[in-house]
Amino acid sequence: MAYHSSGDHWKASYFARDAARYDPLNYEYCLQQAKCALYTNKPQDALVFSNKAVLLVEKLDPNLGELDQPMIIAALSYTLNAEWHHAVKIYNKLIDDDRDDGKSSDYCLAFMQYLVDLENEGIPCEDMNRAKKMLLDRCPP
């Protein structure tokens, strides 16, 4: 999504929505819609699309690595929706120190980058500082 990476989240949202109409079972389109919703300060929409992406990936194969991105966006969506109790469960699952795959630090970096990007976009959120503090406390430097 060139528009999303260029910062034109409204145009990216339009194209993601249009693509999803033609292929509603494609989790990547749901994920793009979720990201666009986050960056256009529509956290309720982001939550709907990210949860739909999670469900679509789980139907394909719950062991796919593709589940990680939808879960990251779902956690951020919960954070922006002031539903910390849901967000923290996903944060903890993805950054668990006992993970066998060694991806905890990757997820910490991904979460932190999204939070910083959202903050730089001027997206207000009460729980954003709570999320950043938790990540800084739990993630390796």
C-alpha atoms as a PDB file:
ATOM      1  CA  MET A   1       0.000   0.000   0.000  1.00  0.00           C
ATOM      2  CA  ALA A   2       2.021   2.902  -1.282  1.00  0.00           C
ATOM      3  CA  TYR A   3      -0.422   5.447   0.093  1.00  0.00           C
ATOM      4  CA  HIS A   4      -0.160   4.078   3.604  1.00  0.00           C
ATOM      5  CA  SER A   5       3.639   4.142   3.593  1.00  0.00           C
ATOM      6  CA  SER A   6       3.606   7.679   2.178  1.00  0.00           C
ATOM      7  CA  GLY A   7       1.386   8.869   5.012  1.00  0.00           C
ATOM      8  CA  ASP A   8      -1.795   9.322   2.988  1.00  0.00           C
ATOM      9  CA  HIS A   9      -3.868   7.090   5.238  1.00  0.00           C
ATOM     10  CA  TRP A  10      -7.207   8.297   3.874  1.00  0.00           C
ATOM     11  CA  LYS A  11      -6.351   7.225   0.318  1.00  0.00           C
ATOM     12  CA  ALA A  12      -4.869   3.981   1.581  1.00  0.00           C
ATOM     13  CA  SER A  13      -8.086   3.333   3.475  1.00  0.00           C
ATOM     14  CA  TYR A  14     -10.118   3.832   0.313  1.00  0.00           C
ATOM     15  CA  PHE A  15      -7.999   1.371  -1.669  1.00  0.00           C
ATOM     16  CA  ALA A  16      -7.927  -1.216   1.131  1.00  0.00           C
ATOM     17  CA  ARG A  17     -11.708  -1.015   1.456  1.00  0.00           C
ATOM     18  CA  ASP A  18     -12.117  -1.373  -2.302  1.00  0.00           C
ATOM     19  CA  ALA A  19      -9.756  -4.372  -2.424  1.00  0.00           C
ATOM     20  CA  ALA A  20     -11.592  -6.043   0.475  1.00  0.00           C
ATOM     21  CA  ARG A  21     -14.851  -5.840  -1.477  1.00  0.00           C
ATOM     22  CA  TYR A  22     -13.330  -8.003  -4.205  1.00  0.00           C
ATOM     23  CA  ASP A  23     -11.619 -10.442  -1.845  1.00  0.00           C
ATOM     24  CA  PRO A  24     -13.332 -10.311   1.580  1.00  0.00           C
ATOM     25  CA  LEU A  25     -11.465 -13.381   2.869  1.00  0.00           C
ATOM     26  CA  ASN A  26      -8.032 -11.837   2.359  1.00  0.00           C
ATOM     27  CA  TYR A  27      -6.710 -11.044   5.825  1.00  0.00           C
ATOM     28  CA  GLU A  28      -4.101  -8.645   4.436  1.00  0.00           C
ATOM     29  CA  TYR A  29      -6.834  -6.300   3.196  1.00  0.00           C
ATOM     30  CA  CYS A  30      -8.477  -6.367   6.632  1.00  0.00           C
ATOM     31  CA  LEU A  31      -5.095  -5.669   8.187  1.00  0.00           C
ATOM     32  CA  GLN A  32      -4.516  -2.700   5.865  1.00  0.00           C
ATOM     33  CA  GLN A  33      -7.956  -1.350   6.743  1.00  0.00           C
ATOM     34  CA  ALA A  34      -7.105  -1.728  10.434  1.00  0.00           C
ATOM     35  CA  LYS A  35      -3.819   0.141  10.046  1.00  0.00           C
ATOM     36  CA  CYS A  36      -5.502   2.927   8.108  1.00  0.00           C
ATOM     37  CA  ALA A  37      -8.194   3.182  10.772  1.00  0.00           C
ATOM     38  CA  LEU A  38      -5.522   3.488  13.481  1.00  0.00           C
ATOM     39  CA  TYR A  39      -3.724   6.277  11.642  1.00  0.00           C
ATOM     40  CA  THR A  40      -6.944   8.160  10.919  1.00  0.00           C
ATOM     41  CA  ASN A  41      -7.936   8.000  14.594  1.00  0.00           C
ATOM     42  CA  LYS A  42     -10.759   5.510  14.167  1.00  0.00           C
ATOM     43  CA  PRO A  43      -9.784   2.966  16.821  1.00  0.00           C
ATOM     44  CA  GLN A  44     -13.186   1.249  16.878  1.00  0.00           C
ATOM     45  CA  ASP A  45     -12.895   0.509  13.151  1.00  0.00           C
ATOM     46  CA  ALA A  46      -9.296  -0.614  13.638  1.00  0.00           C
ATOM     47  CA  LEU A  47     -10.458  -3.079  16.254  1.00  0.00           C
ATOM     48  CA  VAL A  48     -13.148  -4.531  13.982  1.00  0.00           C
ATOM     49  CA  PHE A  49     -10.743  -4.965  11.050  1.00  0.00           C
ATOM     50  CA  SER A  50      -7.820  -6.283  13.116  1.00  0.00           C
ATOM     51  CA  ASN A  51     -10.031  -8.846  14.863  1.00  0.00           C
ATOM     52  CA  LYS A  52     -11.439  -9.903  11.488  1.00  0.00           C
ATOM     53  CA  ALA A  53      -7.875 -10.334  10.200  1.00  0.00           C
ATOM     54  CA  VAL A  54      -7.013 -12.479  13.241  1.00  0.00           C
ATOM     55  CA  LEU A  55     -10.067 -14.674  12.623  1.00  0.00           C
ATOM     56  CA  LEU A  56      -9.263 -15.050   8.919  1.00  0.00           C
ATOM     57  CA  VAL A  57      -5.672 -16.072   9.645  1.00  0.00           C
ATOM     58  CA  GLU A  58      -6.798 -18.521  12.334  1.00  0.00           C
ATOM     59  CA  LYS A  59      -9.157 -20.131   9.817  1.00  0.00           C
ATOM     60  CA  LEU A  60      -6.298 -20.538   7.331  1.00  0.00           C
ATOM     61  CA  ASP A  61      -3.800 -21.931   9.809  1.00  0.00           C
ATOM     62  CA  PRO A  62      -3.430 -20.764  13.408  1.00  0.00           C
ATOM     63  CA  ASN A  63       0.280 -21.594  13.374  1.00  0.00           C
ATOM     64  CA  LEU A  64       1.077 -19.175  10.575  1.00  0.00           C
ATOM     65  CA  GLY A  65       3.443 -16.360  11.412  1.00  0.00           C
ATOM     66  CA  GLU A  66       0.952 -14.063   9.709  1.00  0.00           C
ATOM     67  CA  LEU A  67      -1.075 -14.036  12.922  1.00  0.00           C
ATOM     68  CA  ASP A  68       1.484 -11.785  14.568  1.00  0.00           C
ATOM     69  CA  GLN A  69       0.761  -8.580  12.616  1.00  0.00           C
ATOM     70  CA  PRO A  70      -3.026  -8.748  13.106  1.00  0.00           C
ATOM     71  CA  MET A  71      -2.459  -9.372  16.816  1.00  0.00           C
ATOM     72  CA  ILE A  72      -0.111  -6.386  17.069  1.00  0.00           C
ATOM     73  CA  ILE A  73      -2.678  -4.150  15.384  1.00  0.00           C
ATOM     74  CA  ALA A  74      -5.444  -5.595  17.599  1.00  0.00           C
ATOM     75  CA  ALA A  75      -3.420  -4.769  20.731  1.00  0.00           C
ATOM     76  CA  LEU A  76      -2.848  -1.226  19.497  1.00  0.00           C
ATOM     77  CA  SER A  77      -6.542  -0.923  18.656  1.00  0.00           C
ATOM     78  CA  TYR A  78      -7.513  -2.009  22.145  1.00  0.00           C
ATOM     79  CA  THR A  79      -4.995   0.471  23.554  1.00  0.00           C
ATOM     80  CA  LEU A  80      -6.472   3.358  21.565  1.00  0.00           C
ATOM     81  CA  ASN A  81      -9.992   2.232  22.527  1.00  0.00           C
ATOM     82  CA  ALA A  82      -9.057   2.507  26.223  1.00  0.00           C
ATOM     83  CA  GLU A  83      -9.531  -1.245  26.645  1.00  0.00           C
ATOM     84  CA  TRP A  84      -6.225  -1.863  28.370  1.00  0.00           C
ATOM     85  CA  HIS A  85      -7.371  -5.128  29.952  1.00  0.00           C
ATOM     86  CA  HIS A  86      -7.680  -6.653  26.452  1.00  0.00           C
ATOM     87  CA  ALA A  87      -4.584  -4.954  25.044  1.00  0.00           C
ATOM     88  CA  VAL A  88      -2.273  -6.124  27.814  1.00  0.00           C
ATOM     89  CA  LYS A  89      -3.211  -9.774  27.226  1.00  0.00           C
ATOM     90  CA  ILE A  90      -2.009  -9.532  23.634  1.00  0.00           C
ATOM     91  CA  TYR A  91       1.098  -7.539  24.548  1.00  0.00           C
ATOM     92  CA  ASN A  92       1.983 -10.164  27.144  1.00  0.00           C
ATOM     93  CA  LYS A  93       1.363 -13.055  24.777  1.00  0.00           C
ATOM     94  CA  LEU A  94       3.602 -11.617  22.076  1.00  0.00           C
ATOM     95  CA  ILE A  95       6.434 -10.357  24.286  1.00  0.00           C
ATOM     96  CA  ASP A  96       6.484 -13.309  26.675  1.00  0.00           C
ATOM     97  CA  ASP A  97      10.087 -13.939  27.735  1.00  0.00           C
ATOM     98  CA  ASP A  98       9.515 -17.693  27.557  1.00  0.00           C
ATOM     99  CA  ARG A  99       8.724 -17.731  23.832  1.00  0.00           C
ATOM    100  CA  ASP A 100      10.533 -20.470  21.978  1.00  0.00           C
ATOM    101  CA  ASP A 101      10.892 -18.515  18.749  1.00  0.00           C
ATOM    102  CA  GLY A 102      13.013 -15.685  20.165  1.00  0.00           C
ATOM    103  CA  LYS A 103      10.761 -13.007  18.689  1.00  0.00           C
ATOM    104  CA  SER A 104       9.968 -11.148  21.923  1.00  0.00           C
ATOM    105  CA  SER A 105      12.356  -8.295  21.190  1.00  0.00           C
ATOM    106  CA  ASP A 106      11.056  -8.035  17.599  1.00  0.00           C
ATOM    107  CA  TYR A 107       7.518  -7.605  18.906  1.00  0.00           C
ATOM    108  CA  CYS A 108       8.651  -5.057  21.477  1.00  0.00           C
ATOM    109  CA  LEU A 109      10.275  -3.021  18.736  1.00  0.00           C
ATOM    110  CA  ALA A 110       7.219  -3.327  16.495  1.00  0.00           C
ATOM    111  CA  PHE A 111       4.848  -2.231  19.257  1.00  0.00           C
ATOM    112  CA  MET A 112       7.077   0.667  20.245  1.00  0.00           C
ATOM    113  CA  GLN A 113       7.486   1.831  16.650  1.00  0.00           C
ATOM    114  CA  TYR A 114       3.728   1.836  16.084  1.00  0.00           C
ATOM    115  CA  LEU A 115       3.157   3.734  19.336  1.00  0.00           C
ATOM    116  CA  VAL A 116       5.755   6.354  18.430  1.00  0.00           C
ATOM    117  CA  ASP A 117       4.350   6.660  14.890  1.00  0.00           C
ATOM    118  CA  LEU A 118       0.801   7.093  16.207  1.00  0.00           C
ATOM    119  CA  GLU A 119       1.998   9.675  18.703  1.00  0.00           C
ATOM    120  CA  ASN A 120       3.842  11.541  15.924  1.00  0.00           C
ATOM    121  CA  GLU A 121       0.624  11.508  13.876  1.00  0.00           C
ATOM    122  CA  GLY A 122      -1.083  13.282  16.782  1.00  0.00           C
ATOM    123  CA  ILE A 123      -3.337  10.353  17.684  1.00  0.00           C
ATOM    124  CA  PRO A 124      -4.371  10.933  21.311  1.00  0.00           C
ATOM    125  CA  CYS A 125      -4.521   8.028  23.714  1.00  0.00           C
ATOM    126  CA  GLU A 126      -4.592   7.818  27.473  1.00  0.00           C
ATOM    127  CA  ASP A 127      -3.140   4.303  27.560  1.00  0.00           C
ATOM    128  CA  MET A 128      -0.310   4.990  25.108  1.00  0.00           C
ATOM    129  CA  ASN A 129       2.103   5.973  27.883  1.00  0.00           C
ATOM    130  CA  ARG A 130       1.046   2.923  29.889  1.00  0.00           C
ATOM    131  CA  ALA A 131       1.862   0.699  26.905  1.00  0.00           C
ATOM    132  CA  LYS A 132       5.228   2.383  26.317  1.00  0.00           C
ATOM    133  CA  LYS A 133       6.180   2.050  29.989  1.00  0.00           C
ATOM    134  CA  MET A 134       5.257  -1.627  30.026  1.00  0.00           C
ATOM    135  CA  LEU A 135       7.317  -2.226  26.881  1.00  0.00           C
ATOM    136  CA  LEU A 136      10.311  -0.323  28.243  1.00  0.00           C
ATOM    137  CA  ASP A 137      10.130  -2.276  31.513  1.00  0.00           C
ATOM    138  CA  ARG A 138       9.826  -5.681  29.878  1.00  0.00           C
ATOM    139  CA  CYS A 139      11.824  -5.438  26.683  1.00  0.00           C
ATOM    140  CA  PRO A 140      15.572  -5.611  26.307  1.00  0.00           C
ATOM    141  CA  PRO A 141      17.346  -2.326  25.563  1.00  0.00           C
END
